[in-house]
Amino acid sequence: MTPIPFTKAISWDEYMAHRPPYPSSMWKLWLDYHRGPLEVAHDVGAGGGVAANDLANYSPLPIKRIYVSDPGQEHLAFAEKMLKQRHPQIEFVFNSTVAETVWLEDGAVDFVCCCEALHWVDVSEGMPVMARSLRSGGTFAAIYYLPYPKITNSAAAQAAMMRLLDDFAKNTADAAVAGPAWRRGFSNSNIGMDFVPFDAELWTDVRRMEVNVDDEGWPSSKFMAERFGEARNFAVEEGDGRKERWEDESWKKIETPEKLRQILMKFLGATEEIWESQAWSEVLDAAEEVGGLLDLSFMVSMVLARKK
């Protein structure tokens, strides 16, 4: 089956202003895990090149070449301008393609990362392709964080925000999310990164991790599962004992309700009328009760694996 490219219009300046940055703690974890040379990397589903830029900044080893791929031409145009300006010492190779397409030579790269994009991929096709491109011992790293944070210092504000999100999702027309990539993305992200399969013949040293997620597990949405179906859960098949969890302050912020609104706007792309709703009014009232500032915690799921 030929993969259907998925892309959407994004203002990358706004994205980087309102989405949480990938913190140094994440890159330290990933780069400490990595073994051997790191001369060539591949940022898959790169969007505006955020992860490629970070990798170039954080890598303790001098990277010579980074492949940057994404199905969106406008995304790559932003990435090319930004990356070449910031890292003139690195050779960047850009390709407008999907993760399921073979275009690199076998064993061509040392490190593959897929940040906030793997849920859109048909992993039954994409994971073997990315494994094929890695050298033996090379690293695969991926992350998905919920674009909306959890409010941890006000149960009332948290409940009202979730009602606002549920109402928005329920009122989104089926036609707007009818494509297979949309349905796959929602189905996959409903279980964090547990939808990612690691064929034992291709991968070793697999780590599945969740950050700022409580003992109840990934905050799955029953409504989303009913509407878009549930992805196959490979973590359950591997055994629950393989999941690691911890708290990381780097993924937490203290913000005003207005800043939260801007974050949610980037996630929802909603019309202004949503901010006139009773649910949002309750968020504002609850924020006043805790001094006008909200403790926000982003919930994160990550996977690491080594190519055999």
Protein backbone atom coordinates (compact mmCIF):
# COMPACT_ATOMS: atom_id res chain seq x y z
CA MET A 1 0.00 0.00 0.00
CA THR A 2 1.34 3.41 -0.96
CA PRO A 3 1.46 5.62 2.14
CA ILE A 4 -0.67 8.74 2.02
CA PRO A 5 1.48 11.78 2.87
CA PHE A 6 0.22 13.79 5.81
CA THR A 7 1.06 17.42 6.28
CA LYS A 8 -0.70 20.51 7.53
CA ALA A 9 -0.07 24.24 7.40
CA ILE A 10 1.91 25.44 10.41
CA SER A 11 3.49 28.74 11.38
CA TRP A 12 6.83 27.47 12.67
CA ASP A 13 7.62 30.74 14.41
CA GLU A 14 4.39 30.36 16.42
CA TYR A 15 4.99 26.63 16.91
CA MET A 16 8.36 27.24 18.53
CA ALA A 17 6.96 30.09 20.60
CA HIS A 18 4.07 28.10 22.07
CA ARG A 19 5.11 24.44 22.01
CA PRO A 20 7.48 23.24 24.75
CA PRO A 21 11.10 22.91 23.56
CA TYR A 22 12.75 19.52 23.71
CA PRO A 23 14.75 19.90 26.93
CA SER A 24 18.43 19.17 27.45
CA SER A 25 17.44 16.28 29.75
CA MET A 26 15.88 14.47 26.78
CA TRP A 27 18.91 14.93 24.56
CA LYS A 28 21.26 13.83 27.35
CA LEU A 29 19.20 10.65 27.81
CA TRP A 30 19.23 9.91 24.10
CA LEU A 31 22.90 10.74 23.49
CA ASP A 32 24.06 8.85 26.59
CA TYR A 33 22.18 5.84 25.23
CA HIS A 34 23.84 6.13 21.81
CA ARG A 35 26.97 4.09 21.10
CA GLY A 36 29.69 4.54 18.55
CA PRO A 37 30.14 7.28 15.96
CA LEU A 38 27.56 9.99 15.34
CA GLU A 39 28.62 11.46 12.04
CA VAL A 40 25.35 11.04 10.12
CA ALA A 41 21.82 11.47 11.48
CA HIS A 42 18.28 11.53 10.10
CA ASP A 43 15.43 13.69 11.43
CA VAL A 44 12.25 11.93 10.26
CA GLY A 45 9.01 13.90 10.05
CA ALA A 46 11.21 16.87 10.77
CA GLY A 47 8.66 19.62 10.27
CA GLY A 48 10.54 22.89 10.65
CA GLY A 49 13.78 21.16 11.68
CA VAL A 50 13.43 21.64 15.45
CA ALA A 51 14.96 18.28 16.39
CA ALA A 52 17.74 18.51 13.78
CA ASN A 53 18.71 21.90 15.20
CA ASP A 54 18.75 20.54 18.77
CA LEU A 55 20.72 17.46 17.79
CA ALA A 56 23.35 19.64 16.14
CA ASN A 57 23.55 21.75 19.31
CA TYR A 58 23.61 18.95 21.88
CA SER A 59 25.65 16.21 20.22
CA PRO A 60 29.03 15.79 21.98
CA LEU A 61 30.39 14.42 18.70
CA PRO A 62 30.77 16.56 15.56
CA ILE A 63 27.98 15.64 13.14
CA LYS A 64 28.96 15.85 9.49
CA ARG A 65 25.60 15.30 7.78
CA ILE A 66 21.93 15.38 8.80
CA TYR A 67 19.18 14.08 6.54
CA VAL A 68 15.97 16.04 7.05
CA SER A 69 12.76 14.54 5.68
CA ASP A 70 9.10 15.54 5.86
CA PRO A 71 6.17 15.29 3.43
CA GLY A 72 5.54 19.04 3.69
CA GLN A 73 7.49 21.22 1.25
CA GLU A 74 6.69 24.37 3.25
CA HIS A 75 8.01 22.71 6.42
CA LEU A 76 11.29 21.82 4.72
CA ALA A 77 11.64 25.33 3.30
CA PHE A 78 11.59 26.73 6.84
CA ALA A 79 13.95 24.01 8.07
CA GLU A 80 16.44 24.57 5.28
CA LYS A 81 16.66 28.32 5.87
CA MET A 82 16.98 27.93 9.64
CA LEU A 83 19.40 24.99 9.72
CA LYS A 84 21.81 26.24 7.09
CA GLN A 85 21.98 29.62 8.81
CA ARG A 86 22.61 28.18 12.29
CA HIS A 87 24.88 25.24 11.38
CA PRO A 88 26.96 26.08 8.30
CA GLN A 89 29.53 23.43 9.26
CA ILE A 90 27.01 20.60 8.77
CA GLU A 91 25.85 19.20 5.42
CA PHE A 92 22.05 19.06 5.37
CA VAL A 93 20.17 16.93 2.85
CA PHE A 94 16.44 17.65 2.52
CA ASN A 95 13.82 15.33 1.07
CA SER A 96 10.06 15.81 0.86
CA THR A 97 8.96 12.26 1.57
CA VAL A 98 7.21 10.07 4.13
CA ALA A 99 8.84 7.75 6.66
CA GLU A 100 7.51 4.68 4.87
CA THR A 101 9.55 5.40 1.71
CA VAL A 102 12.99 3.84 1.18
CA TRP A 103 15.38 6.53 -0.06
CA LEU A 104 18.58 6.14 1.98
CA GLU A 105 21.19 3.47 1.47
CA ASP A 106 21.25 0.57 3.92
CA GLY A 107 23.28 1.39 7.04
CA ALA A 108 23.73 5.00 5.94
CA VAL A 109 23.06 6.69 9.29
CA ASP A 110 24.16 6.43 12.91
CA PHE A 111 21.12 8.01 14.56
CA VAL A 112 17.45 8.30 13.57
CA CYS A 113 15.04 10.50 15.51
CA CYS A 114 11.33 11.08 15.01
CA CYS A 115 9.96 13.83 17.24
CA GLU A 116 6.24 14.51 17.60
CA ALA A 117 5.60 12.85 14.22
CA LEU A 118 5.68 9.04 14.50
CA HIS A 119 1.98 8.79 15.36
CA TRP A 120 1.16 9.87 11.80
CA VAL A 121 3.29 7.05 10.35
CA ASP A 122 2.15 3.57 9.32
CA VAL A 123 4.71 1.96 11.61
CA SER A 124 4.24 -1.50 10.08
CA GLU A 125 5.96 -0.05 7.00
CA GLY A 126 7.94 2.83 8.47
CA MET A 127 9.84 1.04 11.25
CA PRO A 128 11.51 -1.53 8.94
CA VAL A 129 12.49 1.30 6.58
CA MET A 130 14.14 3.30 9.38
CA ALA A 131 15.85 0.16 10.71
CA ARG A 132 17.22 -0.55 7.25
CA SER A 133 18.80 2.91 7.06
CA LEU A 134 20.64 2.51 10.39
CA ARG A 135 24.07 0.98 10.78
CA SER A 136 24.43 -1.95 13.15
CA GLY A 137 24.40 -0.52 16.67
CA GLY A 138 22.79 2.72 15.52
CA THR A 139 20.10 4.44 17.59
CA PHE A 140 16.40 4.95 16.96
CA ALA A 141 14.79 7.57 19.22
CA ALA A 142 11.24 8.92 19.17
CA ILE A 143 9.04 11.09 21.34
CA TYR A 144 5.41 12.09 21.57
CA TYR A 145 4.11 14.57 24.10
CA LEU A 146 0.49 15.60 24.47
CA PRO A 147 0.28 19.10 22.96
CA TYR A 148 -1.95 20.19 25.84
CA PRO A 149 -0.48 20.17 29.37
CA LYS A 150 -2.04 18.96 32.60
CA ILE A 151 -2.90 21.63 35.18
CA THR A 152 -1.53 20.30 38.45
CA ASN A 153 -2.28 23.04 40.98
CA SER A 154 -6.04 23.30 40.37
CA ALA A 155 -8.31 20.29 39.95
CA ALA A 156 -11.16 22.62 38.97
CA ALA A 157 -9.13 24.24 36.19
CA GLN A 158 -7.96 20.85 34.94
CA ALA A 159 -11.50 19.46 34.84
CA ALA A 160 -12.80 22.53 33.00
CA MET A 161 -9.96 22.43 30.45
CA MET A 162 -10.58 18.74 29.71
CA ARG A 163 -14.27 19.47 29.22
CA LEU A 164 -13.34 22.23 26.78
CA LEU A 165 -11.07 19.82 24.86
CA ASP A 166 -13.71 17.08 24.80
CA ASP A 167 -16.38 19.50 23.61
CA PHE A 168 -14.12 20.73 20.82
CA ALA A 169 -13.32 17.17 19.73
CA LYS A 170 -16.96 16.09 19.77
CA ASN A 171 -17.97 19.09 17.67
CA THR A 172 -15.28 18.54 15.04
CA ALA A 173 -16.96 17.29 11.88
CA ASP A 174 -16.11 13.78 10.70
CA ALA A 175 -15.21 15.20 7.29
CA ALA A 176 -12.43 17.27 8.87
CA VAL A 177 -10.67 14.17 10.23
CA ALA A 178 -11.78 11.57 7.68
CA GLY A 179 -8.37 10.85 6.12
CA PRO A 180 -6.53 7.66 7.12
CA ALA A 181 -3.54 9.63 8.42
CA TRP A 182 -5.78 11.64 10.75
CA ARG A 183 -7.46 8.50 12.05
CA ARG A 184 -4.12 6.72 12.48
CA GLY A 185 -2.63 9.70 14.29
CA PHE A 186 -5.44 9.95 16.83
CA SER A 187 -5.59 6.18 17.33
CA ASN A 188 -1.83 5.93 17.91
CA SER A 189 -1.43 8.98 20.15
CA ASN A 190 -4.21 7.71 22.38
CA ILE A 191 -1.71 5.19 23.80
CA GLY A 192 1.44 7.34 23.85
CA MET A 193 4.25 5.49 22.05
CA ASP A 194 3.01 2.00 22.84
CA PHE A 195 1.87 1.61 19.23
CA VAL A 196 5.52 1.36 18.10
CA PRO A 197 6.60 -2.23 17.28
CA PHE A 198 10.19 -3.42 17.73
CA ASP A 199 10.87 -6.59 15.77
CA ALA A 200 13.25 -8.68 17.88
CA GLU A 201 15.15 -9.62 14.74
CA LEU A 202 15.92 -5.97 14.01
CA TRP A 203 16.16 -4.24 17.39
CA THR A 204 17.73 -4.70 20.82
CA ASP A 205 18.05 -2.75 24.09
CA VAL A 206 14.51 -1.37 23.72
CA ARG A 207 13.41 1.20 26.30
CA ARG A 208 9.85 2.47 26.69
CA MET A 209 9.53 5.53 28.92
CA GLU A 210 6.87 7.93 30.20
CA VAL A 211 7.56 11.27 31.87
CA ASN A 212 5.17 13.16 34.16
CA VAL A 213 2.60 10.36 33.82
CA ASP A 214 1.02 9.06 37.02
CA ASP A 215 0.38 5.47 38.07
CA GLU A 216 -2.86 5.34 36.09
CA GLY A 217 -0.78 5.34 32.93
CA TRP A 218 -0.99 7.34 29.72
CA PRO A 219 -4.01 9.68 29.85
CA SER A 220 -5.99 7.89 27.16
CA SER A 221 -9.19 9.44 25.88
CA LYS A 222 -12.16 7.05 25.87
CA PHE A 223 -13.95 9.37 23.45
CA MET A 224 -11.01 9.35 20.98
CA ALA A 225 -10.71 5.56 21.23
CA GLU A 226 -14.40 5.13 20.44
CA ARG A 227 -14.25 7.56 17.53
CA PHE A 228 -10.98 6.52 15.89
CA GLY A 229 -10.33 3.02 17.21
CA GLU A 230 -7.54 1.76 19.43
CA ALA A 231 -4.05 1.14 18.11
CA ARG A 232 -2.37 -2.19 18.74
CA ASN A 233 -0.47 -1.94 22.04
CA PHE A 234 2.98 -3.49 21.65
CA ALA A 235 4.11 -2.48 25.16
CA VAL A 236 1.42 -4.69 26.66
CA GLU A 237 2.48 -7.56 24.43
CA GLU A 238 6.10 -7.10 25.52
CA GLY A 239 5.14 -6.96 29.20
CA ASP A 240 4.32 -4.08 31.54
CA GLY A 241 7.62 -4.49 33.37
CA ARG A 242 9.47 -2.85 30.50
CA LYS A 243 7.89 0.58 31.05
CA GLU A 244 9.95 3.23 32.88
CA ARG A 245 8.37 6.31 34.50
CA TRP A 246 9.74 9.40 36.19
CA GLU A 247 9.09 13.11 36.74
CA ASP A 248 11.06 15.78 34.90
CA GLU A 249 10.80 19.46 35.84
CA SER A 250 12.11 20.38 32.38
CA TRP A 251 8.68 19.48 30.99
CA LYS A 252 6.83 21.70 33.49
CA LYS A 253 5.98 25.40 33.43
CA ILE A 254 4.21 28.02 35.52
CA GLU A 255 2.11 30.16 33.19
CA THR A 256 -0.78 32.62 33.08
CA PRO A 257 -4.17 31.50 31.72
CA GLU A 258 -3.44 33.62 28.63
CA LYS A 259 -0.29 31.62 27.93
CA LEU A 260 -2.27 28.40 28.37
CA ARG A 261 -4.81 29.74 25.89
CA GLN A 262 -2.03 30.34 23.36
CA ILE A 263 -0.73 26.80 23.86
CA LEU A 264 -4.20 25.34 23.38
CA MET A 265 -4.77 27.54 20.32
CA LYS A 266 -1.75 25.95 18.64
CA PHE A 267 -3.12 22.52 19.48
CA LEU A 268 -6.75 23.13 18.56
CA GLY A 269 -6.61 25.68 15.79
CA ALA A 270 -9.99 26.68 17.18
CA THR A 271 -12.20 29.66 16.45
CA GLU A 272 -12.49 32.48 18.95
CA GLU A 273 -15.92 31.36 20.16
CA ILE A 274 -14.36 28.50 22.14
CA TRP A 275 -12.81 31.06 24.50
CA GLU A 276 -16.28 32.42 25.21
CA SER A 277 -17.45 29.02 26.46
CA GLN A 278 -18.50 28.20 30.00
CA ALA A 279 -15.64 25.72 30.29
CA TRP A 280 -12.99 28.37 29.56
CA SER A 281 -14.68 30.79 31.94
CA GLU A 282 -14.33 28.14 34.65
CA VAL A 283 -10.62 27.75 33.86
CA LEU A 284 -10.17 31.50 34.35
CA ASP A 285 -12.15 31.49 37.62
CA ALA A 286 -10.17 28.55 38.97
CA ALA A 287 -6.89 30.24 38.02
CA GLU A 288 -7.84 33.29 40.07
CA GLU A 289 -8.38 31.04 43.09
CA VAL A 290 -4.75 29.88 42.92
CA GLY A 291 -3.25 33.34 42.47
CA GLY A 292 -3.56 33.74 38.71
CA LEU A 293 -0.82 31.28 37.74
CA LEU A 294 -1.21 27.68 36.62
CA ASP A 295 1.28 24.84 37.09
CA LEU A 296 1.46 23.08 33.73
CA SER A 297 2.95 19.64 33.23
CA PHE A 298 3.48 18.15 29.77
CA MET A 299 3.05 14.37 29.60
CA VAL A 300 5.70 12.63 27.52
CA SER A 301 6.18 9.20 25.99
CA MET A 302 9.53 8.09 24.51
CA VAL A 303 11.12 5.02 22.96
CA LEU A 304 14.75 4.13 22.37
CA ALA A 305 16.10 1.11 20.49
CA ARG A 306 19.39 -0.09 19.02
CA LYS A 307 19.70 -1.62 15.55
CA LYS A 308 21.04 -5.18 15.70
